[in-house]
C-alpha atoms as a PDB file:
ATOM      1  CA  MET A   1      63.791 133.857 131.876  1.00  0.00           C
ATOM      2  CA  ILE A   2      66.226 136.530 131.732  1.00  0.00           C
ATOM      3  CA  ASP A   3      69.630 136.320 132.649  1.00  0.00           C
ATOM      4  CA  TYR A   4      69.584 132.510 133.330  1.00  0.00           C
ATOM      5  CA  VAL A   5      72.790 131.093 134.884  1.00  0.00           C
ATOM      6  CA  ALA A   6      73.196 127.691 136.300  1.00  0.00           C
ATOM      7  CA  ASP A   7      75.782 125.768 138.387  1.00  0.00           C
ATOM      8  CA  ILE A   8      76.262 122.296 138.722  1.00  0.00           C
ATOM      9  CA  GLU A   9      78.416 120.314 141.034  1.00  0.00           C
ATOM     10  CA  LEU A  10      78.985 116.655 141.151  1.00  0.00           C
ATOM     11  CA  LEU A  11      80.531 114.865 144.476  1.00  0.00           C
ATOM     12  CA  PRO A  12      81.293 111.663 145.285  1.00  0.00           C
ATOM     13  CA  VAL A  13      79.510 109.787 147.748  1.00  0.00           C
ATOM     14  CA  SER A  14      81.575 107.797 150.473  1.00  0.00           C
ATOM     15  CA  ASP A  15      79.178 105.034 150.917  1.00  0.00           C
ATOM     16  CA  GLY A  16      79.100 103.321 147.505  1.00  0.00           C
ATOM     17  CA  ALA A  17      79.624 103.935 144.108  1.00  0.00           C
ATOM     18  CA  ARG A  18      77.095 107.139 143.644  1.00  0.00           C
ATOM     19  CA  THR A  19      77.301 110.901 143.088  1.00  0.00           C
ATOM     20  CA  PHE A  20      75.695 114.080 145.036  1.00  0.00           C
ATOM     21  CA  TRP A  21      74.322 116.357 142.373  1.00  0.00           C
ATOM     22  CA  SER A  22      73.909 120.130 143.608  1.00  0.00           C
ATOM     23  CA  TRP A  23      72.172 121.669 140.595  1.00  0.00           C
ATOM     24  CA  ARG A  24      71.547 125.324 141.159  1.00  0.00           C
ATOM     25  CA  SER A  25      70.052 128.202 139.112  1.00  0.00           C
ATOM     26  CA  ARG A  26      69.771 131.945 139.056  1.00  0.00           C
ATOM     27  CA  PHE A  27      67.202 134.304 136.937  1.00  0.00           C
ATOM     28  CA  ARG A  28      64.998 137.112 136.338  1.00  0.00           C
ATOM     29  CA  THR A  29      61.288 136.742 135.765  1.00  0.00           C
ATOM     30  CA  PRO A  30      59.430 139.474 133.999  1.00  0.00           C
ATOM     31  CA  PRO A  31      57.281 141.119 137.083  1.00  0.00           C
ATOM     32  CA  GLY A  32      54.272 138.898 138.269  1.00  0.00           C
ATOM     33  CA  ARG A  33      55.566 136.238 136.326  1.00  0.00           C
ATOM     34  CA  GLU A  34      57.858 134.724 139.193  1.00  0.00           C
ATOM     35  CA  ARG A  35      55.430 131.562 140.111  1.00  0.00           C
ATOM     36  CA  GLU A  36      55.157 130.458 136.469  1.00  0.00           C
ATOM     37  CA  ARG A  37      58.552 130.896 135.419  1.00  0.00           C
ATOM     38  CA  ALA A  38      59.701 128.961 138.445  1.00  0.00           C
ATOM     39  CA  ALA A  39      57.295 125.912 137.668  1.00  0.00           C
ATOM     40  CA  LEU A  40      58.555 126.285 134.508  1.00  0.00           C
ATOM     41  CA  VAL A  41      62.260 125.753 135.270  1.00  0.00           C
ATOM     42  CA  ALA A  42      61.471 123.256 138.128  1.00  0.00           C
ATOM     43  CA  ALA A  43      59.725 120.717 135.487  1.00  0.00           C
ATOM     44  CA  GLY A  44      60.975 121.771 131.972  1.00  0.00           C
ATOM     45  CA  VAL A  45      64.796 122.229 132.818  1.00  0.00           C
ATOM     46  CA  TYR A  46      65.442 120.296 136.111  1.00  0.00           C
ATOM     47  CA  GLU A  47      62.901 117.563 135.979  1.00  0.00           C
ATOM     48  CA  ALA A  48      63.494 117.141 132.029  1.00  0.00           C
ATOM     49  CA  GLY A  49      67.580 117.428 132.593  1.00  0.00           C
ATOM     50  CA  PHE A  50      67.821 114.759 135.451  1.00  0.00           C
ATOM     51  CA  GLY A  51      65.365 112.397 133.434  1.00  0.00           C
ATOM     52  CA  ALA A  52      67.510 112.662 130.302  1.00  0.00           C
ATOM     53  CA  VAL A  53      70.863 112.426 132.234  1.00  0.00           C
ATOM     54  CA  ARG A  54      69.112 109.617 134.234  1.00  0.00           C
ATOM     55  CA  GLU A  55      68.184 107.696 131.101  1.00  0.00           C
ATOM     56  CA  ARG A  56      71.870 108.441 129.366  1.00  0.00           C
ATOM     57  CA  LEU A  57      73.623 106.564 132.623  1.00  0.00           C
ATOM     58  CA  ARG A  58      71.128 103.482 131.790  1.00  0.00           C
ATOM     59  CA  ALA A  59      72.187 103.260 128.316  1.00  0.00           C
ATOM     60  CA  VAL A  60      75.747 103.376 128.984  1.00  0.00           C
ATOM     61  CA  HIS A  61      75.286 101.102 132.589  1.00  0.00           C
ATOM     62  CA  PRO A  62      72.235  98.975 132.107  1.00  0.00           C
ATOM     63  CA  PHE A  63      72.959  97.314 135.074  1.00  0.00           C
ATOM     64  CA  SER A  64      73.917  99.874 137.519  1.00  0.00           C
ATOM     65  CA  ARG A  65      70.782 100.192 139.101  1.00  0.00           C
ATOM     66  CA  GLY A  66      70.115  96.814 140.789  1.00  0.00           C
ATOM     67  CA  GLY A  67      70.120  94.800 137.735  1.00  0.00           C
ATOM     68  CA  SER A  68      72.566  92.123 136.444  1.00  0.00           C
ATOM     69  CA  PRO A  69      74.004  91.360 133.044  1.00  0.00           C
ATOM     70  CA  GLU A  70      71.858  88.451 132.732  1.00  0.00           C
ATOM     71  CA  SER A  71      68.927  90.941 132.664  1.00  0.00           C
ATOM     72  CA  ALA A  72      70.788  93.652 130.188  1.00  0.00           C
ATOM     73  CA  PRO A  73      69.810  93.723 126.979  1.00  0.00           C
ATOM     74  CA  ALA A  74      71.908  91.841 124.254  1.00  0.00           C
ATOM     75  CA  PRO A  75      74.313  94.282 122.489  1.00  0.00           C
ATOM     76  CA  HIS A  76      73.114  95.166 118.470  1.00  0.00           C
END
């Protein structure tokens, strides 16, 4: 990718303790490789990034998604 620039915007959601996450990027590709590079960004950047943040949040807030303190792992 050439000239990759990303913007992330986090906004509170008024219904519950949630956050709306908007992640946009712009980049150029070598001619003829637009689809390949767009797929690479979708899977290798966006999906991987969302997954990493999701796992990090679960580690910090283990019962924020429907669990309970009783089901949370014991601290070590």
